[in-house]
Amino acid sequence: MSHMTKLKIAITSKGDLCAALGNMGHSIVEKDGLKDYYANTSEERVDFTLEGQPTIGFRQVQDGTWEFVGDFYGTGMREKEFMQELGTEYNVAKYEKLVKSKGKRMTRTKVGNAVTIKVMM
C-alpha cells in the first residue's frame, strides 16, 4: 500500500473511540484485516475498520493505546480533518461518560467541526 498511514493516537478507551466514531457518523466492523485501495488484503493487523471504508482501521498496541492504520486514498475523506474531528469527538465522548456518571444530562450541538456542550444541573 503506497498510501498507508500509521498514527499512534492518545486514545486508551475502545468504548470512547467507538462512541467518537459513531458521533462522526461511522459504524465499525470487527475484523483483523485491512484492505488497500484495490481491495487487496493487507498484511496490517487491525481490530476493526469503518463500515464501508475497509481501508481505514484501528488497532490496540502493546502499551494499551490505539493506533490508526489506513489509506485515505479514494475514501473522499481527508486525513488531517478526520483526525482533528476524531480528537474532538473522543474528548466529547469521554466528557459525556463523566457527566452521565454524575447523574447529569448533557446536550450537544454540532456545527461543522465545532461542538457545543450544555450540561443540565
C-alpha atoms as a PDB file:
ATOM      1  CA  MET A   1       0.000   0.000   0.000  1.00  0.00           C
ATOM      2  CA  SER A   2       1.752   3.100  -1.134  1.00  0.00           C
ATOM      3  CA  HIS A   3      -0.539   5.468   0.773  1.00  0.00           C
ATOM      4  CA  MET A   4      -0.535   3.631   4.111  1.00  0.00           C
ATOM      5  CA  THR A   5      -0.529   5.876   7.158  1.00  0.00           C
ATOM      6  CA  LYS A   6       0.120   4.767  10.748  1.00  0.00           C
ATOM      7  CA  LEU A   7      -0.576   7.230  13.548  1.00  0.00           C
ATOM      8  CA  LYS A   8      -0.346   6.496  17.243  1.00  0.00           C
ATOM      9  CA  ILE A   9      -3.185   8.383  18.896  1.00  0.00           C
ATOM     10  CA  ALA A  10      -3.615   9.288  22.566  1.00  0.00           C
ATOM     11  CA  ILE A  11      -6.770   7.217  22.928  1.00  0.00           C
ATOM     12  CA  THR A  12      -6.965   4.493  25.559  1.00  0.00           C
ATOM     13  CA  SER A  13     -10.651   3.542  25.640  1.00  0.00           C
ATOM     14  CA  LYS A  14     -12.129   1.443  22.852  1.00  0.00           C
ATOM     15  CA  GLY A  15     -15.636   2.344  24.033  1.00  0.00           C
ATOM     16  CA  ASP A  16     -14.936   6.075  23.819  1.00  0.00           C
ATOM     17  CA  LEU A  17     -13.164   5.617  20.471  1.00  0.00           C
ATOM     18  CA  CYS A  18     -16.191   3.773  19.066  1.00  0.00           C
ATOM     19  CA  ALA A  19     -18.552   6.413  20.511  1.00  0.00           C
ATOM     20  CA  ALA A  20     -16.470   9.156  18.870  1.00  0.00           C
ATOM     21  CA  LEU A  21     -16.542   7.370  15.523  1.00  0.00           C
ATOM     22  CA  GLY A  22     -20.307   6.902  15.920  1.00  0.00           C
ATOM     23  CA  ASN A  23     -20.748  10.621  16.602  1.00  0.00           C
ATOM     24  CA  MET A  24     -18.831  11.225  13.375  1.00  0.00           C
ATOM     25  CA  GLY A  25     -21.371   9.070  11.532  1.00  0.00           C
ATOM     26  CA  HIS A  26     -19.262   5.913  11.224  1.00  0.00           C
ATOM     27  CA  SER A  27     -20.077   2.350  12.210  1.00  0.00           C
ATOM     28  CA  ILE A  28     -17.330  -0.127  12.970  1.00  0.00           C
ATOM     29  CA  VAL A  29     -16.777  -3.641  11.690  1.00  0.00           C
ATOM     30  CA  GLU A  30     -14.788  -6.008  13.916  1.00  0.00           C
ATOM     31  CA  LYS A  31     -12.132  -7.644  11.747  1.00  0.00           C
ATOM     32  CA  ASP A  32      -8.470  -8.432  11.728  1.00  0.00           C
ATOM     33  CA  GLY A  33      -7.553  -7.404   8.196  1.00  0.00           C
ATOM     34  CA  LEU A  34      -7.284  -4.216   6.238  1.00  0.00           C
ATOM     35  CA  LYS A  35      -7.890  -3.738   2.522  1.00  0.00           C
ATOM     36  CA  ASP A  36      -5.975  -1.443   0.217  1.00  0.00           C
ATOM     37  CA  TYR A  37      -7.427   0.871  -2.430  1.00  0.00           C
ATOM     38  CA  TYR A  38      -7.585  -2.023  -4.913  1.00  0.00           C
ATOM     39  CA  ALA A  39      -9.428  -4.272  -2.374  1.00  0.00           C
ATOM     40  CA  ASN A  40      -6.345  -6.440  -1.834  1.00  0.00           C
ATOM     41  CA  THR A  41      -5.887  -7.770   1.686  1.00  0.00           C
ATOM     42  CA  SER A  42      -3.114  -6.006   3.555  1.00  0.00           C
ATOM     43  CA  GLU A  43      -0.687  -7.608   5.976  1.00  0.00           C
ATOM     44  CA  GLU A  44      -1.558  -4.901   8.517  1.00  0.00           C
ATOM     45  CA  ARG A  45      -3.411  -6.250  11.560  1.00  0.00           C
ATOM     46  CA  VAL A  46      -6.339  -4.161  12.794  1.00  0.00           C
ATOM     47  CA  ASP A  47      -9.009  -4.734  15.445  1.00  0.00           C
ATOM     48  CA  PHE A  48     -11.757  -3.010  13.458  1.00  0.00           C
ATOM     49  CA  THR A  49     -12.397  -0.954  10.346  1.00  0.00           C
ATOM     50  CA  LEU A  50     -15.002   1.645   9.439  1.00  0.00           C
ATOM     51  CA  GLU A  51     -18.094   0.210   7.769  1.00  0.00           C
ATOM     52  CA  GLY A  52     -17.920   0.954   4.057  1.00  0.00           C
ATOM     53  CA  GLN A  53     -14.279   2.069   4.413  1.00  0.00           C
ATOM     54  CA  PRO A  54     -12.211  -1.153   4.616  1.00  0.00           C
ATOM     55  CA  THR A  55      -9.019   0.869   4.073  1.00  0.00           C
ATOM     56  CA  ILE A  56      -9.441   2.731   7.413  1.00  0.00           C
ATOM     57  CA  GLY A  57      -8.759   0.799  10.629  1.00  0.00           C
ATOM     58  CA  PHE A  58      -7.667   0.955  14.241  1.00  0.00           C
ATOM     59  CA  ARG A  59      -5.661  -1.417  16.405  1.00  0.00           C
ATOM     60  CA  GLN A  60      -4.664  -1.527  20.042  1.00  0.00           C
ATOM     61  CA  VAL A  61      -0.923  -1.513  20.588  1.00  0.00           C
ATOM     62  CA  GLN A  62       1.105  -3.054  23.389  1.00  0.00           C
ATOM     63  CA  ASP A  63       1.024  -0.010  25.705  1.00  0.00           C
ATOM     64  CA  GLY A  64      -2.806  -0.003  25.646  1.00  0.00           C
ATOM     65  CA  THR A  65      -3.262   2.993  23.374  1.00  0.00           C
ATOM     66  CA  TRP A  66      -4.839   2.832  19.941  1.00  0.00           C
ATOM     67  CA  GLU A  67      -3.209   3.350  16.587  1.00  0.00           C
ATOM     68  CA  PHE A  68      -4.824   4.485  13.353  1.00  0.00           C
ATOM     69  CA  VAL A  69      -3.809   2.448  10.304  1.00  0.00           C
ATOM     70  CA  GLY A  70      -5.169   3.271   6.910  1.00  0.00           C
ATOM     71  CA  ASP A  71      -5.151   4.546   3.408  1.00  0.00           C
ATOM     72  CA  PHE A  72      -7.308   7.625   2.827  1.00  0.00           C
ATOM     73  CA  TYR A  73      -6.782   7.469  -0.936  1.00  0.00           C
ATOM     74  CA  GLY A  74     -10.148   7.115  -2.662  1.00  0.00           C
ATOM     75  CA  THR A  75     -12.220   7.447   0.531  1.00  0.00           C
ATOM     76  CA  GLY A  76     -13.345  11.031  -0.012  1.00  0.00           C
ATOM     77  CA  MET A  77     -12.050  11.864   3.480  1.00  0.00           C
ATOM     78  CA  ARG A  78      -9.042  13.986   4.369  1.00  0.00           C
ATOM     79  CA  GLU A  79      -6.622  12.642   6.945  1.00  0.00           C
ATOM     80  CA  LYS A  80      -5.986  15.891   8.830  1.00  0.00           C
ATOM     81  CA  GLU A  81      -9.669  16.820   9.157  1.00  0.00           C
ATOM     82  CA  PHE A  82     -10.628  13.251  10.087  1.00  0.00           C
ATOM     83  CA  MET A  83      -8.029  13.076  12.854  1.00  0.00           C
ATOM     84  CA  GLN A  84      -8.944  16.534  14.213  1.00  0.00           C
ATOM     85  CA  GLU A  85     -12.631  15.632  14.325  1.00  0.00           C
ATOM     86  CA  LEU A  86     -11.814  12.283  15.932  1.00  0.00           C
ATOM     87  CA  GLY A  87      -9.849  14.041  18.682  1.00  0.00           C
ATOM     88  CA  THR A  88     -12.729  16.429  19.368  1.00  0.00           C
ATOM     89  CA  GLU A  89     -15.352  13.683  19.356  1.00  0.00           C
ATOM     90  CA  TYR A  90     -13.234  11.435  21.585  1.00  0.00           C
ATOM     91  CA  ASN A  91     -12.971  14.178  24.207  1.00  0.00           C
ATOM     92  CA  VAL A  92     -16.716  14.848  23.961  1.00  0.00           C
ATOM     93  CA  ALA A  93     -17.433  11.116  24.413  1.00  0.00           C
ATOM     94  CA  LYS A  94     -15.183  10.961  27.495  1.00  0.00           C
ATOM     95  CA  TYR A  95     -16.845  14.066  28.954  1.00  0.00           C
ATOM     96  CA  GLU A  96     -20.330  12.723  28.230  1.00  0.00           C
ATOM     97  CA  LYS A  97     -19.493   9.497  30.081  1.00  0.00           C
ATOM     98  CA  LEU A  98     -18.266  11.547  33.069  1.00  0.00           C
ATOM     99  CA  VAL A  99     -21.420  13.726  33.065  1.00  0.00           C
ATOM    100  CA  LYS A 100     -23.665  10.642  32.963  1.00  0.00           C
ATOM    101  CA  SER A 101     -21.716   9.012  35.809  1.00  0.00           C
ATOM    102  CA  LYS A 102     -22.570  12.078  37.932  1.00  0.00           C
ATOM    103  CA  GLY A 103     -26.284  11.630  37.133  1.00  0.00           C
ATOM    104  CA  LYS A 104     -26.442  14.738  34.927  1.00  0.00           C
ATOM    105  CA  ARG A 105     -27.743  15.219  31.406  1.00  0.00           C
ATOM    106  CA  MET A 106     -25.851  16.709  28.518  1.00  0.00           C
ATOM    107  CA  THR A 107     -26.880  18.015  25.115  1.00  0.00           C
ATOM    108  CA  ARG A 108     -24.549  18.598  22.230  1.00  0.00           C
ATOM    109  CA  THR A 109     -24.852  20.713  19.135  1.00  0.00           C
ATOM    110  CA  LYS A 110     -22.501  20.296  16.224  1.00  0.00           C
ATOM    111  CA  VAL A 111     -21.941  22.869  13.502  1.00  0.00           C
ATOM    112  CA  GLY A 112     -19.169  21.822  11.129  1.00  0.00           C
ATOM    113  CA  ASN A 113     -16.380  20.544  13.353  1.00  0.00           C
ATOM    114  CA  ALA A 114     -17.370  22.751  16.315  1.00  0.00           C
ATOM    115  CA  VAL A 115     -19.209  21.010  19.160  1.00  0.00           C
ATOM    116  CA  THR A 116     -21.144  22.931  21.819  1.00  0.00           C
ATOM    117  CA  ILE A 117     -21.947  21.083  25.034  1.00  0.00           C
ATOM    118  CA  LYS A 118     -24.599  22.037  27.601  1.00  0.00           C
ATOM    119  CA  VAL A 119     -24.809  20.228  30.935  1.00  0.00           C
ATOM    120  CA  MET A 120     -28.138  20.261  32.803  1.00  0.00           C
ATOM    121  CA  MET A 121     -27.577  20.548  36.533  1.00  0.00           C
END
